[in-house]
Amino acid sequence: MRTNWIRTAFTVLAAAALTAVMGTASATPAAHTASHHPAKQRQATPVLVDCLWHPDVRPADFILACGDGNSRLTSLHWSHWNANSAVARGVNLVNDCKPYCAAGKFHSYPVVVVLDHPQQWKKQPRLQHYTRMTLVYTHDHPEGYAHKVSYPLWN
């Protein structure tokens, strides 16, 4: 009698384990299949590509002058980030490079940042990335800059 009880318990446990494994296995193909639909992935929120070719969403800081770091965005607060555009408020820190960049001073300029024109990213074709950044200076702007400046972003 005791042997039957042990066999029954073992059978029930084995069936439960098999059900758990099969449930997990049957869920896996659905997730795997979804990852093979590039059109669905392209509809995902675009990224902002930094100087080191890393994709980012809603970064707090962003270097504009990759070669020397003499212009960067800091304290970014994103109010909007979707498939078409992104908007943030922050500060553009710009080196005046006077008398030369190594001896220059950084000055802060409040700015609104707008990202738009998302396109497929060449490095990771499954991702969309913003290809244009527009800075709108809300008060003063750096010497030689306009009140509104647009930059193409790297691909």
N, C-alpha and C. Protein backbone atom coordinates (compact mmCIF):
# COMPACT_ATOMS: atom_id res chain seq x y z
N MET A 1 0.83 -1.18 0.00
CA MET A 1 0.00 0.00 0.00
C MET A 1 0.88 1.25 0.00
N ARG A 2 1.90 1.21 0.83
CA ARG A 2 2.79 2.37 0.90
C ARG A 2 3.51 2.57 -0.43
N THR A 3 3.88 1.50 -1.14
CA THR A 3 4.56 1.60 -2.42
C THR A 3 3.65 2.28 -3.44
N ASN A 4 2.35 1.95 -3.45
CA ASN A 4 1.41 2.60 -4.36
C ASN A 4 1.31 4.09 -4.07
N TRP A 5 1.29 4.46 -2.80
CA TRP A 5 1.20 5.87 -2.44
C TRP A 5 2.43 6.63 -2.93
N ILE A 6 3.61 6.05 -2.78
CA ILE A 6 4.85 6.68 -3.24
C ILE A 6 4.84 6.81 -4.76
N ARG A 7 4.39 5.73 -5.46
CA ARG A 7 4.32 5.81 -6.93
C ARG A 7 3.33 6.89 -7.37
N THR A 8 2.20 6.97 -6.70
CA THR A 8 1.20 7.97 -7.04
C THR A 8 1.76 9.37 -6.81
N ALA A 9 2.40 9.59 -5.67
CA ALA A 9 2.98 10.90 -5.36
C ALA A 9 4.05 11.24 -6.39
N PHE A 10 4.89 10.26 -6.72
CA PHE A 10 5.94 10.49 -7.71
C PHE A 10 5.34 10.84 -9.07
N THR A 11 4.29 10.13 -9.47
CA THR A 11 3.64 10.38 -10.76
C THR A 11 3.02 11.77 -10.80
N VAL A 12 2.35 12.17 -9.71
CA VAL A 12 1.73 13.50 -9.64
C VAL A 12 2.81 14.59 -9.72
N LEU A 13 3.91 14.41 -8.97
CA LEU A 13 4.99 15.40 -9.01
C LEU A 13 5.64 15.46 -10.39
N ALA A 14 5.85 14.31 -11.02
CA ALA A 14 6.44 14.28 -12.35
C ALA A 14 5.52 14.97 -13.36
N ALA A 15 4.22 14.72 -13.24
CA ALA A 15 3.26 15.35 -14.15
C ALA A 15 3.24 16.86 -13.94
N ALA A 16 3.31 17.30 -12.70
CA ALA A 16 3.33 18.74 -12.41
C ALA A 16 4.59 19.38 -12.97
N ALA A 17 5.71 18.70 -12.80
CA ALA A 17 6.98 19.23 -13.33
C ALA A 17 6.94 19.30 -14.85
N LEU A 18 6.40 18.26 -15.49
CA LEU A 18 6.31 18.24 -16.94
C LEU A 18 5.38 19.35 -17.44
N THR A 19 4.29 19.58 -16.74
CA THR A 19 3.35 20.65 -17.11
C THR A 19 4.03 22.00 -16.99
N ALA A 20 4.80 22.20 -15.94
CA ALA A 20 5.51 23.47 -15.75
C ALA A 20 6.52 23.69 -16.87
N VAL A 21 7.26 22.66 -17.22
CA VAL A 21 8.26 22.77 -18.29
C VAL A 21 7.58 23.02 -19.62
N MET A 22 6.51 22.30 -19.91
CA MET A 22 5.80 22.48 -21.18
C MET A 22 5.15 23.86 -21.26
N GLY A 23 4.64 24.35 -20.14
CA GLY A 23 4.04 25.68 -20.12
C GLY A 23 5.09 26.73 -20.46
N THR A 24 6.28 26.61 -19.89
CA THR A 24 7.37 27.53 -20.18
C THR A 24 7.82 27.38 -21.62
N ALA A 25 7.93 26.15 -22.10
CA ALA A 25 8.37 25.92 -23.47
C ALA A 25 7.36 26.46 -24.47
N SER A 26 6.08 26.31 -24.18
CA SER A 26 5.09 26.79 -25.13
C SER A 26 5.02 28.31 -25.15
N ALA A 27 5.45 28.96 -24.06
CA ALA A 27 5.46 30.43 -24.05
C ALA A 27 6.67 30.98 -24.79
N THR A 28 7.73 30.21 -24.85
CA THR A 28 8.96 30.68 -25.47
C THR A 28 8.82 30.98 -26.96
N PRO A 29 8.20 30.13 -27.78
CA PRO A 29 8.12 30.46 -29.19
C PRO A 29 7.39 31.77 -29.48
N ALA A 30 6.39 32.12 -28.72
CA ALA A 30 5.68 33.36 -28.97
C ALA A 30 6.61 34.55 -28.78
N ALA A 31 7.41 34.55 -27.73
CA ALA A 31 8.34 35.63 -27.50
C ALA A 31 9.42 35.62 -28.58
N HIS A 32 9.89 34.44 -28.95
CA HIS A 32 10.93 34.31 -29.95
C HIS A 32 10.42 34.77 -31.31
N THR A 33 9.22 34.41 -31.66
CA THR A 33 8.64 34.80 -32.93
C THR A 33 8.49 36.31 -33.02
N ALA A 34 8.09 36.96 -31.94
CA ALA A 34 7.90 38.40 -31.96
C ALA A 34 9.21 39.13 -32.25
N SER A 35 10.34 38.57 -31.81
CA SER A 35 11.62 39.24 -32.02
C SER A 35 12.07 39.14 -33.46
N HIS A 36 11.42 38.35 -34.29
CA HIS A 36 11.81 38.22 -35.69
C HIS A 36 10.93 39.06 -36.61
N HIS A 37 10.21 40.02 -36.06
CA HIS A 37 9.39 40.92 -36.86
C HIS A 37 10.01 42.30 -36.84
N PRO A 38 10.96 42.59 -37.78
CA PRO A 38 11.63 43.88 -37.76
C PRO A 38 10.66 45.06 -37.86
N ALA A 39 9.57 44.91 -38.57
CA ALA A 39 8.62 46.02 -38.69
C ALA A 39 8.07 46.41 -37.32
N LYS A 40 7.79 45.43 -36.49
CA LYS A 40 7.28 45.73 -35.16
C LYS A 40 8.36 46.42 -34.33
N GLN A 41 9.62 45.96 -34.46
CA GLN A 41 10.68 46.58 -33.69
C GLN A 41 10.97 47.99 -34.17
N ARG A 42 10.83 48.25 -35.45
CA ARG A 42 11.08 49.59 -35.98
C ARG A 42 10.06 50.58 -35.46
N GLN A 43 8.91 50.11 -35.03
CA GLN A 43 7.90 51.00 -34.50
C GLN A 43 8.20 51.38 -33.06
N ALA A 44 9.21 50.77 -32.48
CA ALA A 44 9.57 51.07 -31.11
C ALA A 44 10.11 52.50 -31.02
N THR A 45 10.18 53.02 -29.84
CA THR A 45 10.66 54.37 -29.61
C THR A 45 12.10 54.52 -30.11
N PRO A 46 12.38 55.59 -30.87
CA PRO A 46 13.75 55.81 -31.34
C PRO A 46 14.71 56.08 -30.20
N VAL A 47 15.98 55.92 -30.50
CA VAL A 47 17.04 56.14 -29.52
C VAL A 47 17.86 57.36 -29.93
N LEU A 48 18.65 57.85 -29.01
CA LEU A 48 19.63 58.89 -29.28
C LEU A 48 20.99 58.21 -29.20
N VAL A 49 21.78 58.31 -30.25
CA VAL A 49 23.09 57.64 -30.30
C VAL A 49 24.16 58.61 -29.81
N ASP A 50 24.96 58.16 -28.83
CA ASP A 50 25.98 59.04 -28.27
C ASP A 50 27.31 58.91 -29.02
N CYS A 51 28.33 59.61 -28.54
CA CYS A 51 29.64 59.63 -29.19
C CYS A 51 30.31 58.26 -29.25
N LEU A 52 29.97 57.39 -28.35
CA LEU A 52 30.57 56.05 -28.31
C LEU A 52 29.70 55.02 -29.01
N TRP A 53 28.72 55.48 -29.77
CA TRP A 53 27.80 54.63 -30.53
C TRP A 53 26.90 53.78 -29.64
N HIS A 54 26.56 54.30 -28.46
CA HIS A 54 25.63 53.62 -27.57
C HIS A 54 24.25 54.24 -27.73
N PRO A 55 23.22 53.41 -27.89
CA PRO A 55 21.86 53.96 -27.95
C PRO A 55 21.37 54.31 -26.55
N ASP A 56 20.62 55.40 -26.46
CA ASP A 56 20.10 55.81 -25.16
C ASP A 56 18.71 56.40 -25.34
N VAL A 57 17.91 56.30 -24.31
CA VAL A 57 16.58 56.89 -24.27
C VAL A 57 16.53 57.80 -23.05
N ARG A 58 16.13 59.03 -23.26
CA ARG A 58 16.00 60.03 -22.20
C ARG A 58 17.28 60.20 -21.38
N PRO A 59 18.42 60.45 -22.04
CA PRO A 59 19.65 60.64 -21.27
C PRO A 59 19.61 61.93 -20.46
N ALA A 60 20.29 61.95 -19.34
CA ALA A 60 20.37 63.15 -18.50
C ALA A 60 21.43 64.10 -19.04
N ASP A 61 22.42 63.57 -19.75
CA ASP A 61 23.52 64.36 -20.31
C ASP A 61 23.83 63.85 -21.71
N PHE A 62 24.40 64.73 -22.54
CA PHE A 62 24.74 64.33 -23.90
C PHE A 62 25.86 65.23 -24.41
N ILE A 63 26.93 64.63 -24.92
CA ILE A 63 28.05 65.41 -25.46
C ILE A 63 27.76 65.74 -26.91
N LEU A 64 27.84 67.03 -27.24
CA LEU A 64 27.64 67.49 -28.61
C LEU A 64 28.96 67.51 -29.38
N ALA A 65 30.03 67.95 -28.73
CA ALA A 65 31.34 68.03 -29.36
C ALA A 65 32.15 66.80 -28.96
N CYS A 66 31.98 65.73 -29.72
CA CYS A 66 32.59 64.45 -29.34
C CYS A 66 34.11 64.51 -29.32
N GLY A 67 34.72 65.28 -30.19
CA GLY A 67 36.18 65.31 -30.27
C GLY A 67 36.84 65.90 -29.04
N ASP A 68 36.26 66.98 -28.50
CA ASP A 68 36.92 67.66 -27.39
C ASP A 68 36.03 67.92 -26.18
N GLY A 69 34.74 67.64 -26.28
CA GLY A 69 33.84 67.82 -25.15
C GLY A 69 33.56 69.28 -24.81
N ASN A 70 33.82 70.19 -25.74
CA ASN A 70 33.65 71.61 -25.46
C ASN A 70 32.22 72.12 -25.58
N SER A 71 31.30 71.25 -25.92
CA SER A 71 29.88 71.59 -25.90
C SER A 71 29.11 70.34 -25.50
N ARG A 72 28.31 70.48 -24.45
CA ARG A 72 27.54 69.33 -23.96
C ARG A 72 26.22 69.80 -23.38
N LEU A 73 25.29 68.87 -23.35
CA LEU A 73 23.99 69.13 -22.74
C LEU A 73 23.96 68.45 -21.38
N THR A 74 23.47 69.16 -20.37
CA THR A 74 23.37 68.59 -19.02
C THR A 74 22.00 68.88 -18.45
N SER A 75 21.69 68.20 -17.37
CA SER A 75 20.43 68.41 -16.63
C SER A 75 19.21 68.31 -17.54
N LEU A 76 19.24 67.33 -18.45
CA LEU A 76 18.13 67.18 -19.39
C LEU A 76 16.92 66.56 -18.68
N HIS A 77 15.77 67.20 -18.84
CA HIS A 77 14.51 66.71 -18.30
C HIS A 77 13.55 66.56 -19.47
N TRP A 78 13.25 65.33 -19.81
CA TRP A 78 12.46 65.02 -21.00
C TRP A 78 10.97 65.08 -20.68
N SER A 79 10.25 65.89 -21.44
CA SER A 79 8.80 65.98 -21.26
C SER A 79 8.07 65.14 -22.29
N HIS A 80 8.80 64.69 -23.31
CA HIS A 80 8.15 64.01 -24.42
C HIS A 80 9.21 63.16 -25.13
N TRP A 81 8.88 61.90 -25.44
CA TRP A 81 9.79 61.01 -26.19
C TRP A 81 8.92 59.97 -26.85
N ASN A 82 8.72 60.09 -28.17
CA ASN A 82 7.88 59.10 -28.84
C ASN A 82 8.47 58.75 -30.21
N ALA A 83 7.70 58.10 -31.05
CA ALA A 83 8.17 57.58 -32.33
C ALA A 83 8.55 58.69 -33.31
N ASN A 84 8.08 59.92 -33.11
CA ASN A 84 8.35 61.01 -34.05
C ASN A 84 9.34 62.05 -33.54
N SER A 85 9.30 62.32 -32.24
CA SER A 85 10.15 63.38 -31.71
C SER A 85 10.33 63.24 -30.21
N ALA A 86 11.24 64.04 -29.69
CA ALA A 86 11.49 64.09 -28.25
C ALA A 86 11.80 65.54 -27.88
N VAL A 87 11.40 65.94 -26.67
CA VAL A 87 11.62 67.32 -26.23
C VAL A 87 12.11 67.31 -24.79
N ALA A 88 13.14 68.13 -24.53
CA ALA A 88 13.69 68.26 -23.18
C ALA A 88 14.07 69.71 -22.91
N ARG A 89 14.17 70.01 -21.64
CA ARG A 89 14.76 71.28 -21.20
C ARG A 89 16.05 70.91 -20.49
N GLY A 90 17.03 71.77 -20.63
CA GLY A 90 18.30 71.50 -19.98
C GLY A 90 19.24 72.68 -20.12
N VAL A 91 20.53 72.39 -20.03
CA VAL A 91 21.56 73.40 -20.09
C VAL A 91 22.59 72.97 -21.11
N ASN A 92 23.00 73.91 -21.97
CA ASN A 92 24.10 73.67 -22.90
C ASN A 92 25.34 74.32 -22.28
N LEU A 93 26.31 73.49 -21.91
CA LEU A 93 27.58 74.00 -21.40
C LEU A 93 28.53 74.12 -22.57
N VAL A 94 29.00 75.35 -22.81
CA VAL A 94 29.85 75.62 -23.97
C VAL A 94 31.13 76.30 -23.51
N ASN A 95 32.28 75.78 -23.95
CA ASN A 95 33.58 76.35 -23.65
C ASN A 95 33.80 77.55 -24.58
N ASP A 96 34.17 78.69 -24.01
CA ASP A 96 34.42 79.87 -24.85
C ASP A 96 35.78 79.81 -25.56
N CYS A 97 36.62 78.87 -25.16
CA CYS A 97 37.93 78.65 -25.80
C CYS A 97 38.77 79.93 -25.86
N LYS A 98 38.66 80.77 -24.84
CA LYS A 98 39.45 82.01 -24.78
C LYS A 98 40.48 81.90 -23.66
N PRO A 99 41.70 82.09 -23.86
CA PRO A 99 42.34 82.42 -25.14
C PRO A 99 42.50 81.19 -26.05
N TYR A 100 42.38 79.99 -25.49
CA TYR A 100 42.35 78.74 -26.26
C TYR A 100 41.54 77.76 -25.43
N CYS A 101 41.10 76.67 -26.04
CA CYS A 101 40.11 75.79 -25.39
C CYS A 101 40.58 75.21 -24.06
N ALA A 102 41.84 74.83 -23.96
CA ALA A 102 42.32 74.25 -22.70
C ALA A 102 42.27 75.25 -21.56
N ALA A 103 42.35 76.53 -21.86
CA ALA A 103 42.32 77.57 -20.84
C ALA A 103 40.96 78.27 -20.77
N GLY A 104 40.03 77.86 -21.60
CA GLY A 104 38.72 78.51 -21.68
C GLY A 104 37.83 78.21 -20.49
N LYS A 105 36.70 78.92 -20.43
CA LYS A 105 35.70 78.73 -19.37
C LYS A 105 34.43 78.18 -20.00
N PHE A 106 33.75 77.34 -19.24
CA PHE A 106 32.45 76.83 -19.67
C PHE A 106 31.37 77.80 -19.20
N HIS A 107 30.43 78.09 -20.09
CA HIS A 107 29.31 78.95 -19.78
C HIS A 107 28.02 78.15 -19.96
N SER A 108 27.03 78.43 -19.12
CA SER A 108 25.75 77.72 -19.13
C SER A 108 24.70 78.52 -19.88
N TYR A 109 23.98 77.84 -20.75
CA TYR A 109 22.91 78.45 -21.52
C TYR A 109 21.67 77.57 -21.44
N PRO A 110 20.58 78.07 -20.83
CA PRO A 110 19.34 77.29 -20.80
C PRO A 110 18.86 77.03 -22.23
N VAL A 111 18.37 75.82 -22.45
CA VAL A 111 18.03 75.42 -23.81
C VAL A 111 16.87 74.44 -23.82
N VAL A 112 16.09 74.49 -24.89
CA VAL A 112 15.09 73.46 -25.18
C VAL A 112 15.71 72.61 -26.28
N VAL A 113 15.67 71.29 -26.09
CA VAL A 113 16.25 70.35 -27.05
C VAL A 113 15.11 69.61 -27.74
N VAL A 114 15.15 69.58 -29.07
CA VAL A 114 14.15 68.86 -29.85
C VAL A 114 14.88 67.84 -30.72
N LEU A 115 14.48 66.58 -30.61
CA LEU A 115 15.01 65.52 -31.46
C LEU A 115 13.91 65.12 -32.44
N ASP A 116 14.29 64.88 -33.71
CA ASP A 116 13.28 64.44 -34.67
C ASP A 116 13.94 63.75 -35.86
N HIS A 117 13.16 63.51 -36.88
CA HIS A 117 13.58 62.81 -38.09
C HIS A 117 14.15 61.42 -37.79
N PRO A 118 13.38 60.55 -37.12
CA PRO A 118 13.89 59.22 -36.84
C PRO A 118 14.06 58.40 -38.12
N GLN A 119 15.13 57.65 -38.16
CA GLN A 119 15.42 56.77 -39.29
C GLN A 119 16.06 55.50 -38.76
N GLN A 120 16.14 54.51 -39.63
CA GLN A 120 16.78 53.25 -39.28
C GLN A 120 18.26 53.53 -38.99
N TRP A 121 18.77 52.94 -37.92
CA TRP A 121 20.17 53.12 -37.53
C TRP A 121 21.01 52.10 -38.30
N LYS A 122 22.01 52.57 -39.02
CA LYS A 122 22.85 51.68 -39.84
C LYS A 122 23.57 50.63 -39.00
N LYS A 123 24.03 51.01 -37.82
CA LYS A 123 24.78 50.07 -36.97
C LYS A 123 23.88 48.96 -36.41
N GLN A 124 22.65 49.31 -36.07
CA GLN A 124 21.69 48.33 -35.54
C GLN A 124 20.37 48.56 -36.27
N PRO A 125 20.21 47.95 -37.46
CA PRO A 125 19.05 48.22 -38.31
C PRO A 125 17.69 47.96 -37.67
N ARG A 126 17.65 47.22 -36.59
CA ARG A 126 16.36 46.98 -35.92
C ARG A 126 15.93 48.17 -35.09
N LEU A 127 16.83 49.15 -34.91
CA LEU A 127 16.52 50.32 -34.10
C LEU A 127 16.33 51.55 -34.98
N GLN A 128 15.43 52.40 -34.55
CA GLN A 128 15.28 53.73 -35.13
C GLN A 128 16.08 54.67 -34.24
N HIS A 129 16.66 55.70 -34.84
CA HIS A 129 17.35 56.71 -34.05
C HIS A 129 17.02 58.08 -34.60
N TYR A 130 17.02 59.06 -33.71
CA TYR A 130 16.77 60.43 -34.14
C TYR A 130 17.98 60.90 -34.94
N THR A 131 17.73 61.62 -36.03
CA THR A 131 18.83 62.07 -36.90
C THR A 131 19.04 63.58 -36.89
N ARG A 132 18.19 64.31 -36.17
CA ARG A 132 18.38 65.76 -36.08
C ARG A 132 18.10 66.23 -34.66
N MET A 133 18.94 67.16 -34.21
CA MET A 133 18.76 67.79 -32.91
C MET A 133 18.69 69.30 -33.14
N THR A 134 17.67 69.93 -32.55
CA THR A 134 17.53 71.38 -32.61
C THR A 134 17.63 71.93 -31.20
N LEU A 135 18.48 72.93 -31.02
CA LEU A 135 18.61 73.61 -29.74
C LEU A 135 17.97 74.99 -29.88
N VAL A 136 17.10 75.32 -28.95
CA VAL A 136 16.49 76.65 -28.91
C VAL A 136 16.92 77.27 -27.58
N TYR A 137 17.73 78.30 -27.66
CA TYR A 137 18.23 78.96 -26.46
C TYR A 137 17.12 79.85 -25.90
N THR A 138 16.80 79.67 -24.62
CA THR A 138 15.66 80.37 -24.04
C THR A 138 16.04 81.74 -23.48
N HIS A 139 17.32 82.02 -23.31
CA HIS A 139 17.81 83.33 -22.85
C HIS A 139 18.98 83.71 -23.75
N ASP A 140 20.14 83.83 -23.19
CA ASP A 140 21.34 84.12 -23.98
C ASP A 140 21.75 82.88 -24.77
N HIS A 141 22.61 83.11 -25.76
CA HIS A 141 23.17 82.00 -26.51
C HIS A 141 24.66 82.24 -26.69
N PRO A 142 25.42 81.17 -26.95
CA PRO A 142 26.87 81.32 -27.09
C PRO A 142 27.22 82.27 -28.24
N GLU A 143 28.34 82.95 -28.10
CA GLU A 143 28.82 83.85 -29.14
C GLU A 143 28.99 83.07 -30.45
N GLY A 144 28.47 83.61 -31.51
CA GLY A 144 28.58 82.96 -32.81
C GLY A 144 27.46 81.97 -33.11
N TYR A 145 26.59 81.72 -32.14
CA TYR A 145 25.46 80.82 -32.33
C TYR A 145 24.20 81.63 -32.59
N ALA A 146 23.28 81.06 -33.33
CA ALA A 146 21.97 81.68 -33.51
C ALA A 146 21.08 81.31 -32.32
N HIS A 147 19.93 81.95 -32.20
CA HIS A 147 18.96 81.65 -31.15
C HIS A 147 18.45 80.20 -31.28
N LYS A 148 18.39 79.71 -32.52
CA LYS A 148 17.93 78.35 -32.80
C LYS A 148 18.96 77.70 -33.74
N VAL A 149 19.47 76.52 -33.32
CA VAL A 149 20.50 75.83 -34.08
C VAL A 149 20.10 74.38 -34.26
N SER A 150 20.24 73.87 -35.49
CA SER A 150 19.95 72.45 -35.76
C SER A 150 21.22 71.73 -36.17
N TYR A 151 21.37 70.50 -35.68
CA TYR A 151 22.53 69.68 -35.99
C TYR A 151 22.05 68.34 -36.55
N PRO A 152 22.72 67.84 -37.60
CA PRO A 152 22.46 66.45 -37.98
C PRO A 152 23.15 65.55 -36.96
N LEU A 153 22.51 64.46 -36.61
CA LEU A 153 23.11 63.51 -35.66
C LEU A 153 23.70 62.34 -36.44
N TRP A 154 24.76 61.78 -35.91
CA TRP A 154 25.50 60.72 -36.57
C TRP A 154 24.70 59.45 -36.69
N ASN A 155 25.07 58.67 -37.70
CA ASN A 155 24.41 57.40 -37.96
C ASN A 155 25.43 56.29 -37.80
